[in-house]
């Protein structure tokens, strides 16, 4: 799935959605309208589903999905990922996203995107 394949109506629905962020000590609600205007986002595939994160498609080659957890109704997913575009230290390259399925659509849209310090699992959890 590509953004260019979406109808004008669907793109307008995306623009109305707001998302929360804490990135580089910048906080607050953002609009998907701004992301679509100033960035070049594109869908990623996670667990067989199209996911739209508020990151430029140039980051995709640097993104590694570490874990994802689906809601019981399969309409929401929490994703833990590493994006080494600007920082190759695993501790500082972590992010988490909560994404919801847009009504009457087959893809998921980030409603929360935060920095996350990657904490390696202790052996007691394995």
PDB file of N, CA and C in Angstrom:
ATOM      1  N   UNK A   1       0.847  -1.177   0.000  1.00  0.00           N
ATOM      2  CA  UNK A   1       0.000   0.000   0.000  1.00  0.00           C
ATOM      3  C   UNK A   1       0.892   1.239   0.000  1.00  0.00           C
ATOM      4  N   UNK A   2       0.492   2.228  -0.763  1.00  0.00           N
ATOM      5  CA  UNK A   2       1.217   3.496  -0.845  1.00  0.00           C
ATOM      6  C   UNK A   2       0.249   4.651  -0.626  1.00  0.00           C
ATOM      7  N   UNK A   3       0.765   5.728  -0.072  1.00  0.00           N
ATOM      8  CA  UNK A   3      -0.072   6.914   0.126  1.00  0.00           C
ATOM      9  C   UNK A   3      -0.661   7.394  -1.194  1.00  0.00           C
ATOM     10  N   UNK A   4       0.112   7.285  -2.247  1.00  0.00           N
ATOM     11  CA  UNK A   4      -0.361   7.749  -3.557  1.00  0.00           C
ATOM     12  C   UNK A   4      -1.554   6.942  -4.066  1.00  0.00           C
ATOM     13  N   UNK A   5      -1.784   5.752  -3.501  1.00  0.00           N
ATOM     14  CA  UNK A   5      -2.927   4.925  -3.899  1.00  0.00           C
ATOM     15  C   UNK A   5      -4.217   5.327  -3.196  1.00  0.00           C
ATOM     16  N   UNK A   6      -4.123   6.152  -2.156  1.00  0.00           N
ATOM     17  CA  UNK A   6      -5.302   6.507  -1.374  1.00  0.00           C
ATOM     18  C   UNK A   6      -6.147   7.559  -2.073  1.00  0.00           C
ATOM     19  N   UNK A   7      -7.440   7.492  -1.825  1.00  0.00           N
ATOM     20  CA  UNK A   7      -8.356   8.489  -2.396  1.00  0.00           C
ATOM     21  C   UNK A   7      -8.184   9.827  -1.682  1.00  0.00           C
ATOM     22  N   UNK A   8      -8.636  10.879  -2.328  1.00  0.00           N
ATOM     23  CA  UNK A   8      -8.616  12.209  -1.724  1.00  0.00           C
ATOM     24  C   UNK A   8      -9.416  12.205  -0.429  1.00  0.00           C
ATOM     25  N   UNK A   9     -10.525  11.491  -0.413  1.00  0.00           N
ATOM     26  CA  UNK A   9     -11.366  11.406   0.781  1.00  0.00           C
ATOM     27  C   UNK A   9     -10.605  10.769   1.951  1.00  0.00           C
ATOM     28  N   UNK A  10      -9.878   9.709   1.678  1.00  0.00           N
ATOM     29  CA  UNK A  10      -9.104   9.039   2.723  1.00  0.00           C
ATOM     30  C   UNK A  10      -7.977   9.935   3.216  1.00  0.00           C
ATOM     31  N   UNK A  11      -7.295  10.610   2.315  1.00  0.00           N
ATOM     32  CA  UNK A  11      -6.232  11.540   2.716  1.00  0.00           C
ATOM     33  C   UNK A  11      -6.786  12.653   3.598  1.00  0.00           C
ATOM     34  N   UNK A  12      -7.960  13.128   3.287  1.00  0.00           N
ATOM     35  CA  UNK A  12      -8.596  14.169   4.107  1.00  0.00           C
ATOM     36  C   UNK A  12      -8.922  13.637   5.498  1.00  0.00           C
ATOM     37  N   UNK A  13      -9.335  12.374   5.614  1.00  0.00           N
ATOM     38  CA  UNK A  13      -9.586  11.775   6.931  1.00  0.00           C
ATOM     39  C   UNK A  13      -8.290  11.706   7.737  1.00  0.00           C
ATOM     40  N   UNK A  14      -7.191  11.336   7.080  1.00  0.00           N
ATOM     41  CA  UNK A  14      -5.900  11.266   7.767  1.00  0.00           C
ATOM     42  C   UNK A  14      -5.508  12.634   8.297  1.00  0.00           C
ATOM     43  N   UNK A  15      -5.684  13.670   7.494  1.00  0.00           N
ATOM     44  CA  UNK A  15      -5.290  15.026   7.888  1.00  0.00           C
ATOM     45  C   UNK A  15      -6.001  15.511   9.144  1.00  0.00           C
ATOM     46  N   UNK A  16      -7.172  14.984   9.426  1.00  0.00           N
ATOM     47  CA  UNK A  16      -7.945  15.404  10.599  1.00  0.00           C
ATOM     48  C   UNK A  16      -7.443  14.780  11.900  1.00  0.00           C
ATOM     49  N   UNK A  17      -6.636  13.727  11.787  1.00  0.00           N
ATOM     50  CA  UNK A  17      -6.184  13.002  12.976  1.00  0.00           C
ATOM     51  C   UNK A  17      -5.002  13.740  13.615  1.00  0.00           C
ATOM     52  N   UNK A  18      -5.044  13.812  14.955  1.00  0.00           N
ATOM     53  CA  UNK A  18      -3.935  14.381  15.710  1.00  0.00           C
ATOM     54  C   UNK A  18      -3.176  13.235  16.378  1.00  0.00           C
ATOM     55  N   UNK A  19      -1.894  13.451  16.607  1.00  0.00           N
ATOM     56  CA  UNK A  19      -1.075  12.433  17.258  1.00  0.00           C
ATOM     57  C   UNK A  19      -0.209  13.109  18.313  1.00  0.00           C
ATOM     58  N   UNK A  20       0.143  12.343  19.335  1.00  0.00           N
ATOM     59  CA  UNK A  20       0.929  12.852  20.442  1.00  0.00           C
ATOM     60  C   UNK A  20       2.388  12.459  20.241  1.00  0.00           C
ATOM     61  N   UNK A  21       3.287  13.332  20.677  1.00  0.00           N
ATOM     62  CA  UNK A  21       4.697  13.010  20.524  1.00  0.00           C
ATOM     63  C   UNK A  21       5.522  13.536  21.680  1.00  0.00           C
ATOM     64  N   UNK A  22       6.607  12.842  21.936  1.00  0.00           N
ATOM     65  CA  UNK A  22       7.717  13.344  22.743  1.00  0.00           C
ATOM     66  C   UNK A  22       8.957  12.903  21.984  1.00  0.00           C
ATOM     67  N   UNK A  23       9.532  13.835  21.251  1.00  0.00           N
ATOM     68  CA  UNK A  23      10.709  13.566  20.436  1.00  0.00           C
ATOM     69  C   UNK A  23      11.681  14.724  20.633  1.00  0.00           C
ATOM     70  N   UNK A  24      12.908  14.403  21.035  1.00  0.00           N
ATOM     71  CA  UNK A  24      13.948  15.404  21.261  1.00  0.00           C
ATOM     72  C   UNK A  24      13.454  16.519  22.164  1.00  0.00           C
ATOM     73  N   UNK A  25      12.780  16.149  23.228  1.00  0.00           N
ATOM     74  CA  UNK A  25      12.252  17.056  24.245  1.00  0.00           C
ATOM     75  C   UNK A  25      11.178  17.999  23.717  1.00  0.00           C
ATOM     76  N   UNK A  26      10.667  17.736  22.529  1.00  0.00           N
ATOM     77  CA  UNK A  26       9.528  18.482  21.999  1.00  0.00           C
ATOM     78  C   UNK A  26       8.292  17.640  22.247  1.00  0.00           C
ATOM     79  N   UNK A  27       7.303  18.249  22.868  1.00  0.00           N
ATOM     80  CA  UNK A  27       6.107  17.512  23.230  1.00  0.00           C
ATOM     81  C   UNK A  27       4.891  18.136  22.586  1.00  0.00           C
ATOM     82  N   UNK A  28       3.843  17.361  22.619  1.00  0.00           N
ATOM     83  CA  UNK A  28       2.553  17.939  22.288  1.00  0.00           C
ATOM     84  C   UNK A  28       1.850  17.272  21.152  1.00  0.00           C
ATOM     85  N   UNK A  29       0.634  17.685  21.011  1.00  0.00           N
ATOM     86  CA  UNK A  29      -0.137  17.145  19.893  1.00  0.00           C
ATOM     87  C   UNK A  29       0.344  17.737  18.576  1.00  0.00           C
ATOM     88  N   UNK A  30       0.333  16.910  17.585  1.00  0.00           N
ATOM     89  CA  UNK A  30       0.686  17.305  16.223  1.00  0.00           C
ATOM     90  C   UNK A  30      -0.469  16.898  15.317  1.00  0.00           C
ATOM     91  N   UNK A  31      -0.479  17.420  14.129  1.00  0.00           N
ATOM     92  CA  UNK A  31      -1.521  17.032  13.179  1.00  0.00           C
ATOM     93  C   UNK A  31      -0.906  16.210  12.056  1.00  0.00           C
ATOM     94  N   UNK A  32      -1.669  15.257  11.583  1.00  0.00           N
ATOM     95  CA  UNK A  32      -1.217  14.499  10.420  1.00  0.00           C
ATOM     96  C   UNK A  32      -1.176  15.386   9.188  1.00  0.00           C
ATOM     97  N   UNK A  33      -1.970  16.429   9.189  1.00  0.00           N
ATOM     98  CA  UNK A  33      -1.931  17.371   8.061  1.00  0.00           C
ATOM     99  C   UNK A  33      -0.521  17.940   7.907  1.00  0.00           C
ATOM    100  N   UNK A  34       0.128  18.308   9.024  1.00  0.00           N
ATOM    101  CA  UNK A  34       1.499  18.834   8.973  1.00  0.00           C
ATOM    102  C   UNK A  34       2.491  17.784   8.492  1.00  0.00           C
ATOM    103  N   UNK A  35       2.320  16.559   8.962  1.00  0.00           N
ATOM    104  CA  UNK A  35       3.215  15.476   8.534  1.00  0.00           C
ATOM    105  C   UNK A  35       3.122  15.307   7.017  1.00  0.00           C
ATOM    106  N   UNK A  36       1.910  15.287   6.501  1.00  0.00           N
ATOM    107  CA  UNK A  36       1.728  15.097   5.058  1.00  0.00           C
ATOM    108  C   UNK A  36       2.235  16.295   4.260  1.00  0.00           C
ATOM    109  N   UNK A  37       2.213  17.466   4.857  1.00  0.00           N
ATOM    110  CA  UNK A  37       2.672  18.669   4.158  1.00  0.00           C
ATOM    111  C   UNK A  37       4.193  18.796   4.159  1.00  0.00           C
ATOM    112  N   UNK A  38       4.842  18.495   5.287  1.00  0.00           N
ATOM    113  CA  UNK A  38       6.265  18.795   5.437  1.00  0.00           C
ATOM    114  C   UNK A  38       7.193  17.580   5.382  1.00  0.00           C
ATOM    115  N   UNK A  39       6.653  16.403   5.489  1.00  0.00           N
ATOM    116  CA  UNK A  39       7.456  15.182   5.442  1.00  0.00           C
ATOM    117  C   UNK A  39       7.017  14.360   4.229  1.00  0.00           C
ATOM    118  N   UNK A  40       7.703  13.274   4.003  1.00  0.00           N
ATOM    119  CA  UNK A  40       7.312  12.323   2.972  1.00  0.00           C
ATOM    120  C   UNK A  40       7.129  10.954   3.618  1.00  0.00           C
ATOM    121  N   UNK A  41       6.040  10.807   4.392  1.00  0.00           N
ATOM    122  CA  UNK A  41       5.816   9.515   5.033  1.00  0.00           C
ATOM    123  C   UNK A  41       5.364   8.484   4.010  1.00  0.00           C
ATOM    124  N   UNK A  42       5.503   7.228   4.379  1.00  0.00           N
ATOM    125  CA  UNK A  42       5.014   6.135   3.546  1.00  0.00           C
ATOM    126  C   UNK A  42       4.695   4.963   4.463  1.00  0.00           C
ATOM    127  N   UNK A  43       3.846   4.076   4.008  1.00  0.00           N
ATOM    128  CA  UNK A  43       3.448   2.934   4.812  1.00  0.00           C
ATOM    129  C   UNK A  43       4.603   1.963   5.003  1.00  0.00           C
ATOM    130  N   UNK A  44       4.671   1.410   6.202  1.00  0.00           N
ATOM    131  CA  UNK A  44       5.541   0.286   6.524  1.00  0.00           C
ATOM    132  C   UNK A  44       4.649  -0.928   6.707  1.00  0.00           C
ATOM    133  N   UNK A  45       5.169  -2.108   6.469  1.00  0.00           N
ATOM    134  CA  UNK A  45       4.409  -3.313   6.748  1.00  0.00           C
ATOM    135  C   UNK A  45       4.868  -3.882   8.081  1.00  0.00           C
ATOM    136  N   UNK A  46       3.918  -4.094   8.967  1.00  0.00           N
ATOM    137  CA  UNK A  46       4.187  -4.673  10.278  1.00  0.00           C
ATOM    138  C   UNK A  46       3.166  -5.778  10.508  1.00  0.00           C
ATOM    139  N   UNK A  47       3.636  -6.985  10.662  1.00  0.00           N
ATOM    140  CA  UNK A  47       2.737  -8.099  10.923  1.00  0.00           C
ATOM    141  C   UNK A  47       1.692  -8.303   9.845  1.00  0.00           C
ATOM    142  N   UNK A  48       2.039  -7.954   8.609  1.00  0.00           N
ATOM    143  CA  UNK A  48       1.120  -8.138   7.493  1.00  0.00           C
ATOM    144  C   UNK A  48       0.141  -6.992   7.279  1.00  0.00           C
ATOM    145  N   UNK A  49       0.289  -5.907   8.048  1.00  0.00           N
ATOM    146  CA  UNK A  49      -0.610  -4.754   7.917  1.00  0.00           C
ATOM    147  C   UNK A  49       0.171  -3.505   7.541  1.00  0.00           C
ATOM    148  N   UNK A  50      -0.475  -2.592   6.847  1.00  0.00           N
ATOM    149  CA  UNK A  50       0.121  -1.308   6.490  1.00  0.00           C
ATOM    150  C   UNK A  50      -0.004  -0.354   7.673  1.00  0.00           C
ATOM    151  N   UNK A  51       1.126   0.232   8.064  1.00  0.00           N
ATOM    152  CA  UNK A  51       1.203   1.132   9.207  1.00  0.00           C
ATOM    153  C   UNK A  51       1.805   2.447   8.721  1.00  0.00           C
ATOM    154  N   UNK A  52       1.180   3.567   9.103  1.00  0.00           N
ATOM    155  CA  UNK A  52       1.717   4.877   8.746  1.00  0.00           C
ATOM    156  C   UNK A  52       2.232   5.561  10.007  1.00  0.00           C
ATOM    157  N   UNK A  53       3.552   5.753  10.046  1.00  0.00           N
ATOM    158  CA  UNK A  53       4.203   6.436  11.161  1.00  0.00           C
ATOM    159  C   UNK A  53       4.594   7.841  10.728  1.00  0.00           C
ATOM    160  N   UNK A  54       4.718   8.767  11.671  1.00  0.00           N
ATOM    161  CA  UNK A  54       5.074  10.145  11.314  1.00  0.00           C
ATOM    162  C   UNK A  54       6.572  10.326  11.105  1.00  0.00           C
ATOM    163  N   UNK A  55       7.127   9.524  10.203  1.00  0.00           N
ATOM    164  CA  UNK A  55       8.542   9.616   9.849  1.00  0.00           C
ATOM    165  C   UNK A  55       8.666   9.621   8.331  1.00  0.00           C
ATOM    166  N   UNK A  56       9.687  10.276   7.873  1.00  0.00           N
ATOM    167  CA  UNK A  56       9.951  10.342   6.448  1.00  0.00           C
ATOM    168  C   UNK A  56      10.319   8.954   5.917  1.00  0.00           C
ATOM    169  N   UNK A  57       9.919   8.660   4.697  1.00  0.00           N
ATOM    170  CA  UNK A  57      10.215   7.344   4.115  1.00  0.00           C
ATOM    171  C   UNK A  57      11.716   7.091   3.991  1.00  0.00           C
ATOM    172  N   UNK A  58      12.538   8.141   4.017  1.00  0.00           N
ATOM    173  CA  UNK A  58      13.989   7.959   3.964  1.00  0.00           C
ATOM    174  C   UNK A  58      14.506   7.243   5.212  1.00  0.00           C
ATOM    175  N   UNK A  59      13.725   7.202   6.287  1.00  0.00           N
ATOM    176  CA  UNK A  59      14.106   6.499   7.514  1.00  0.00           C
ATOM    177  C   UNK A  59      13.883   4.987   7.413  1.00  0.00           C
ATOM    178  N   UNK A  60      13.033   4.549   6.509  1.00  0.00           N
ATOM    179  CA  UNK A  60      12.589   3.151   6.484  1.00  0.00           C
ATOM    180  C   UNK A  60      13.734   2.140   6.474  1.00  0.00           C
ATOM    181  N   UNK A  61      14.791   2.424   5.750  1.00  0.00           N
ATOM    182  CA  UNK A  61      15.905   1.466   5.704  1.00  0.00           C
ATOM    183  C   UNK A  61      16.641   1.382   7.037  1.00  0.00           C
ATOM    184  N   UNK A  62      16.418   2.358   7.918  1.00  0.00           N
ATOM    185  CA  UNK A  62      17.066   2.389   9.230  1.00  0.00           C
ATOM    186  C   UNK A  62      16.136   1.933  10.357  1.00  0.00           C
ATOM    187  N   UNK A  63      14.913   1.551  10.022  1.00  0.00           N
ATOM    188  CA  UNK A  63      13.937   1.147  11.031  1.00  0.00           C
ATOM    189  C   UNK A  63      13.946  -0.372  11.168  1.00  0.00           C
ATOM    190  N   UNK A  64      14.008  -0.799  12.414  1.00  0.00           N
ATOM    191  CA  UNK A  64      13.935  -2.213  12.745  1.00  0.00           C
ATOM    192  C   UNK A  64      12.791  -2.387  13.746  1.00  0.00           C
ATOM    193  N   UNK A  65      11.787  -3.164  13.377  1.00  0.00           N
ATOM    194  CA  UNK A  65      10.670  -3.424  14.279  1.00  0.00           C
ATOM    195  C   UNK A  65      11.137  -4.443  15.312  1.00  0.00           C
ATOM    196  N   UNK A  66      11.097  -4.064  16.582  1.00  0.00           N
ATOM    197  CA  UNK A  66      11.565  -4.928  17.659  1.00  0.00           C
ATOM    198  C   UNK A  66      10.452  -5.808  18.218  1.00  0.00           C
ATOM    199  N   UNK A  67       9.261  -5.242  18.317  1.00  0.00           N
ATOM    200  CA  UNK A  67       8.124  -5.969  18.878  1.00  0.00           C
ATOM    201  C   UNK A  67       6.853  -5.209  18.527  1.00  0.00           C
ATOM    202  N   UNK A  68       5.776  -5.946  18.330  1.00  0.00           N
ATOM    203  CA  UNK A  68       4.466  -5.317  18.161  1.00  0.00           C
ATOM    204  C   UNK A  68       3.430  -6.146  18.886  1.00  0.00           C
ATOM    205  N   UNK A  69       2.442  -5.463  19.422  1.00  0.00           N
ATOM    206  CA  UNK A  69       1.408  -6.106  20.234  1.00  0.00           C
ATOM    207  C   UNK A  69       0.055  -5.618  19.726  1.00  0.00           C
ATOM    208  N   UNK A  70      -0.775  -6.550  19.259  1.00  0.00           N
ATOM    209  CA  UNK A  70      -2.103  -6.207  18.734  1.00  0.00           C
ATOM    210  C   UNK A  70      -3.127  -6.172  19.860  1.00  0.00           C
ATOM    211  N   UNK A  71      -4.096  -5.297  19.751  1.00  0.00           N
ATOM    212  CA  UNK A  71      -5.220  -5.298  20.680  1.00  0.00           C
ATOM    213  C   UNK A  71      -6.076  -6.530  20.393  1.00  0.00           C
ATOM    214  N   UNK A  72      -6.920  -6.897  21.334  1.00  0.00           N
ATOM    215  CA  UNK A  72      -7.735  -8.101  21.153  1.00  0.00           C
ATOM    216  C   UNK A  72      -8.706  -7.969  19.985  1.00  0.00           C
ATOM    217  N   UNK A  73      -9.160  -6.750  19.675  1.00  0.00           N
ATOM    218  CA  UNK A  73     -10.079  -6.574  18.549  1.00  0.00           C
ATOM    219  C   UNK A  73      -9.346  -6.301  17.231  1.00  0.00           C
ATOM    220  N   UNK A  74      -8.010  -6.284  17.274  1.00  0.00           N
ATOM    221  CA  UNK A  74      -7.172  -6.080  16.090  1.00  0.00           C
ATOM    222  C   UNK A  74      -7.372  -4.714  15.434  1.00  0.00           C
ATOM    223  N   UNK A  75      -7.806  -3.736  16.211  1.00  0.00           N
ATOM    224  CA  UNK A  75      -7.989  -2.376  15.692  1.00  0.00           C
ATOM    225  C   UNK A  75      -6.936  -1.410  16.211  1.00  0.00           C
ATOM    226  N   UNK A  76      -5.989  -1.913  16.982  1.00  0.00           N
ATOM    227  CA  UNK A  76      -4.928  -1.082  17.535  1.00  0.00           C
ATOM    228  C   UNK A  76      -3.676  -1.938  17.680  1.00  0.00           C
ATOM    229  N   UNK A  77      -2.521  -1.299  17.533  1.00  0.00           N
ATOM    230  CA  UNK A  77      -1.251  -2.013  17.686  1.00  0.00           C
ATOM    231  C   UNK A  77      -0.248  -1.082  18.373  1.00  0.00           C
ATOM    232  N   UNK A  78       0.530  -1.649  19.290  1.00  0.00           N
ATOM    233  CA  UNK A  78       1.634  -0.940  19.923  1.00  0.00           C
ATOM    234  C   UNK A  78       2.917  -1.508  19.331  1.00  0.00           C
ATOM    235  N   UNK A  79       3.776  -0.613  18.855  1.00  0.00           N
ATOM    236  CA  UNK A  79       5.000  -1.024  18.158  1.00  0.00           C
ATOM    237  C   UNK A  79       6.208  -0.445  18.886  1.00  0.00           C
ATOM    238  N   UNK A  80       7.202  -1.278  19.113  1.00  0.00           N
ATOM    239  CA  UNK A  80       8.489  -0.841  19.636  1.00  0.00           C
ATOM    240  C   UNK A  80       9.485  -1.001  18.496  1.00  0.00           C
ATOM    241  N   UNK A  81      10.225   0.068  18.198  1.00  0.00           N
ATOM    242  CA  UNK A  81      11.119   0.032  17.048  1.00  0.00           C
ATOM    243  C   UNK A  81      12.411   0.772  17.318  1.00  0.00           C
ATOM    244  N   UNK A  82      13.373   0.493  16.490  1.00  0.00           N
ATOM    245  CA  UNK A  82      14.644   1.200  16.497  1.00  0.00           C
ATOM    246  C   UNK A  82      14.748   1.942  15.169  1.00  0.00           C
ATOM    247  N   UNK A  83      15.104   3.229  15.250  1.00  0.00           N
ATOM    248  CA  UNK A  83      15.344   4.039  14.050  1.00  0.00           C
ATOM    249  C   UNK A  83      16.726   4.654  14.199  1.00  0.00           C
ATOM    250  N   UNK A  84      17.697   4.116  13.486  1.00  0.00           N
ATOM    251  CA  UNK A  84      19.084   4.559  13.605  1.00  0.00           C
ATOM    252  C   UNK A  84      19.451   5.637  12.589  1.00  0.00           C
ATOM    253  N   UNK A  85      18.469   6.340  12.058  1.00  0.00           N
ATOM    254  CA  UNK A  85      18.741   7.381  11.063  1.00  0.00           C
ATOM    255  C   UNK A  85      19.709   8.428  11.596  1.00  0.00           C
ATOM    256  N   UNK A  86      19.508   8.890  12.831  1.00  0.00           N
ATOM    257  CA  UNK A  86      20.342   9.961  13.384  1.00  0.00           C
ATOM    258  C   UNK A  86      21.262   9.499  14.507  1.00  0.00           C
ATOM    259  N   UNK A  87      21.002   8.329  15.062  1.00  0.00           N
ATOM    260  CA  UNK A  87      21.766   7.847  16.208  1.00  0.00           C
ATOM    261  C   UNK A  87      21.914   6.337  16.102  1.00  0.00           C
ATOM    262  N   UNK A  88      23.141   5.856  16.060  1.00  0.00           N
ATOM    263  CA  UNK A  88      23.316   4.409  15.929  1.00  0.00           C
ATOM    264  C   UNK A  88      23.467   3.697  17.274  1.00  0.00           C
ATOM    265  N   UNK A  89      23.446   4.434  18.365  1.00  0.00           N
ATOM    266  CA  UNK A  89      23.483   3.829  19.696  1.00  0.00           C
ATOM    267  C   UNK A  89      22.105   3.253  19.999  1.00  0.00           C
ATOM    268  N   UNK A  90      22.012   1.930  20.195  1.00  0.00           N
ATOM    269  CA  UNK A  90      20.699   1.316  20.415  1.00  0.00           C
ATOM    270  C   UNK A  90      19.925   1.935  21.583  1.00  0.00           C
ATOM    271  N   UNK A  91      20.636   2.391  22.608  1.00  0.00           N
ATOM    272  CA  UNK A  91      19.956   2.970  23.761  1.00  0.00           C
ATOM    273  C   UNK A  91      19.177   4.223  23.374  1.00  0.00           C
ATOM    274  N   UNK A  92      19.698   5.001  22.438  1.00  0.00           N
ATOM    275  CA  UNK A  92      19.091   6.280  22.073  1.00  0.00           C
ATOM    276  C   UNK A  92      18.303   6.254  20.764  1.00  0.00           C
ATOM    277  N   UNK A  93      18.152   5.105  20.147  1.00  0.00           N
ATOM    278  CA  UNK A  93      17.476   5.054  18.848  1.00  0.00           C
ATOM    279  C   UNK A  93      16.080   4.437  18.927  1.00  0.00           C
ATOM    280  N   UNK A  94      15.574   4.271  20.135  1.00  0.00           N
ATOM    281  CA  UNK A  94      14.290   3.597  20.303  1.00  0.00           C
ATOM    282  C   UNK A  94      13.090   4.528  20.224  1.00  0.00           C
ATOM    283  N   UNK A  95      12.003   3.987  19.707  1.00  0.00           N
ATOM    284  CA  UNK A  95      10.727   4.702  19.633  1.00  0.00           C
ATOM    285  C   UNK A  95       9.610   3.711  19.893  1.00  0.00           C
ATOM    286  N   UNK A  96       8.494   4.218  20.350  1.00  0.00           N
ATOM    287  CA  UNK A  96       7.296   3.398  20.457  1.00  0.00           C
ATOM    288  C   UNK A  96       6.161   4.164  19.811  1.00  0.00           C
ATOM    289  N   UNK A  97       5.261   3.396  19.217  1.00  0.00           N
ATOM    290  CA  UNK A  97       4.106   3.993  18.538  1.00  0.00           C
ATOM    291  C   UNK A  97       2.857   3.215  18.916  1.00  0.00           C
ATOM    292  N   UNK A  98       1.789   3.936  19.092  1.00  0.00           N
ATOM    293  CA  UNK A  98       0.472   3.325  19.222  1.00  0.00           C
ATOM    294  C   UNK A  98      -0.285   3.749  17.973  1.00  0.00           C
ATOM    295  N   UNK A  99      -0.822   2.763  17.270  1.00  0.00           N
ATOM    296  CA  UNK A  99      -1.488   3.032  15.993  1.00  0.00           C
ATOM    297  C   UNK A  99      -2.890   2.435  16.017  1.00  0.00           C
ATOM    298  N   UNK A 100      -3.830   3.187  15.508  1.00  0.00           N
ATOM    299  CA  UNK A 100      -5.214   2.725  15.409  1.00  0.00           C
ATOM    300  C   UNK A 100      -5.600   2.567  13.948  1.00  0.00           C
ATOM    301  N   UNK A 101      -6.499   1.621  13.718  1.00  0.00           N
ATOM    302  CA  UNK A 101      -7.044   1.446  12.369  1.00  0.00           C
ATOM    303  C   UNK A 101      -7.989   2.626  12.104  1.00  0.00           C
ATOM    304  N   UNK A 102      -7.787   3.290  10.981  1.00  0.00           N
ATOM    305  CA  UNK A 102      -8.679   4.379  10.596  1.00  0.00           C
ATOM    306  C   UNK A 102     -10.024   3.777  10.200  1.00  0.00           C
ATOM    307  N   UNK A 103     -11.096   4.387  10.652  1.00  0.00           N
ATOM    308  CA  UNK A 103     -12.437   3.852  10.416  1.00  0.00           C
ATOM    309  C   UNK A 103     -12.679   3.570   8.926  1.00  0.00           C
ATOM    310  N   UNK A 104     -13.184   2.373   8.672  1.00  0.00           N
ATOM    311  CA  UNK A 104     -13.502   1.909   7.323  1.00  0.00           C
ATOM    312  C   UNK A 104     -12.285   1.799   6.399  1.00  0.00           C
ATOM    313  N   UNK A 105     -11.094   1.653   6.994  1.00  0.00           N
ATOM    314  CA  UNK A 105      -9.867   1.510   6.206  1.00  0.00           C
ATOM    315  C   UNK A 105      -9.130   0.252   6.657  1.00  0.00           C
ATOM    316  N   UNK A 106      -8.190  -0.197   5.845  1.00  0.00           N
ATOM    317  CA  UNK A 106      -7.425  -1.409   6.153  1.00  0.00           C
ATOM    318  C   UNK A 106      -6.037  -1.107   6.705  1.00  0.00           C
ATOM    319  N   UNK A 107      -5.701   0.149   6.931  1.00  0.00           N
ATOM    320  CA  UNK A 107      -4.384   0.503   7.431  1.00  0.00           C
ATOM    321  C   UNK A 107      -4.479   1.131   8.815  1.00  0.00           C
ATOM    322  N   UNK A 108      -3.316   1.262   9.448  1.00  0.00           N
ATOM    323  CA  UNK A 108      -3.216   1.810  10.796  1.00  0.00           C
ATOM    324  C   UNK A 108      -2.433   3.113  10.747  1.00  0.00           C
ATOM    325  N   UNK A 109      -2.819   4.040  11.621  1.00  0.00           N
ATOM    326  CA  UNK A 109      -2.252   5.380  11.659  1.00  0.00           C
ATOM    327  C   UNK A 109      -1.749   5.663  13.067  1.00  0.00           C
ATOM    328  N   UNK A 110      -0.526   6.173  13.203  1.00  0.00           N
ATOM    329  CA  UNK A 110       0.024   6.473  14.525  1.00  0.00           C
ATOM    330  C   UNK A 110      -0.774   7.582  15.196  1.00  0.00           C
ATOM    331  N   UNK A 111      -1.130   7.335  16.453  1.00  0.00           N
ATOM    332  CA  UNK A 111      -1.774   8.368  17.276  1.00  0.00           C
ATOM    333  C   UNK A 111      -0.855   8.778  18.422  1.00  0.00           C
ATOM    334  N   UNK A 112       0.245   8.038  18.593  1.00  0.00           N
ATOM    335  CA  UNK A 112       1.264   8.353  19.585  1.00  0.00           C
ATOM    336  C   UNK A 112       2.603   7.889  19.031  1.00  0.00           C
ATOM    337  N   UNK A 113       3.608   8.750  19.128  1.00  0.00           N
ATOM    338  CA  UNK A 113       4.954   8.389  18.677  1.00  0.00           C
ATOM    339  C   UNK A 113       5.931   9.048  19.634  1.00  0.00           C
ATOM    340  N   UNK A 114       6.611   8.232  20.458  1.00  0.00           N
ATOM    341  CA  UNK A 114       7.482   8.746  21.508  1.00  0.00           C
ATOM    342  C   UNK A 114       8.858   8.125  21.424  1.00  0.00           C
ATOM    343  N   UNK A 115       9.850   8.893  21.883  1.00  0.00           N
ATOM    344  CA  UNK A 115      11.168   8.302  22.079  1.00  0.00           C
ATOM    345  C   UNK A 115      11.062   7.263  23.178  1.00  0.00           C
ATOM    346  N   UNK A 116      11.890   6.243  23.079  1.00  0.00           N
ATOM    347  CA  UNK A 116      11.903   5.165  24.058  1.00  0.00           C
ATOM    348  C   UNK A 116      13.333   4.666  24.175  1.00  0.00           C
ATOM    349  N   UNK A 117      13.841   4.655  25.380  1.00  0.00           N
ATOM    350  CA  UNK A 117      15.182   4.127  25.589  1.00  0.00           C
ATOM    351  C   UNK A 117      15.105   2.614  25.534  1.00  0.00           C
ATOM    352  N   UNK A 118      15.820   2.012  24.616  1.00  0.00           N
ATOM    353  CA  UNK A 118      15.763   0.563  24.425  1.00  0.00           C
ATOM    354  C   UNK A 118      16.455  -0.102  25.603  1.00  0.00           C
ATOM    355  N   UNK A 119      15.675  -0.809  26.358  1.00  0.00           N
ATOM    356  CA  UNK A 119      16.189  -1.560  27.502  1.00  0.00           C
ATOM    357  C   UNK A 119      16.217  -3.024  27.096  1.00  0.00           C
ATOM    358  N   UNK A 120      17.382  -3.623  27.129  1.00  0.00           N
ATOM    359  CA  UNK A 120      17.485  -5.028  26.731  1.00  0.00           C
ATOM    360  C   UNK A 120      16.843  -5.896  27.795  1.00  0.00           C
ATOM    361  N   UNK A 121      16.186  -6.958  27.332  1.00  0.00           N
ATOM    362  CA  UNK A 121      15.531  -7.891  28.243  1.00  0.00           C
ATOM    363  C   UNK A 121      16.580  -8.642  29.051  1.00  0.00           C
ATOM    364  N   UNK A 122      16.289  -8.784  30.324  1.00  0.00           N
ATOM    365  CA  UNK A 122      17.147  -9.599  31.185  1.00  0.00           C
ATOM    366  C   UNK A 122      16.876 -11.067  30.894  1.00  0.00           C
ATOM    367  N   UNK A 123      17.855 -11.896  31.178  1.00  0.00           N
ATOM    368  CA  UNK A 123      17.721 -13.330  30.911  1.00  0.00           C
ATOM    369  C   UNK A 123      16.556 -13.958  31.678  1.00  0.00           C
ATOM    370  N   UNK A 124      16.134 -13.355  32.777  1.00  0.00           N
ATOM    371  CA  UNK A 124      15.033 -13.927  33.564  1.00  0.00           C
ATOM    372  C   UNK A 124      13.714 -13.874  32.819  1.00  0.00           C
ATOM    373  N   UNK A 125      13.608 -13.080  31.759  1.00  0.00           N
ATOM    374  CA  UNK A 125      12.366 -12.991  30.994  1.00  0.00           C
ATOM    375  C   UNK A 125      12.332 -13.951  29.815  1.00  0.00           C
ATOM    376  N   UNK A 126      13.400 -14.587  29.524  1.00  0.00           N
ATOM    377  CA  UNK A 126      13.457 -15.450  28.346  1.00  0.00           C
ATOM    378  C   UNK A 126      13.074 -16.865  28.663  1.00  0.00           C
TER     379      UNK A 126
END
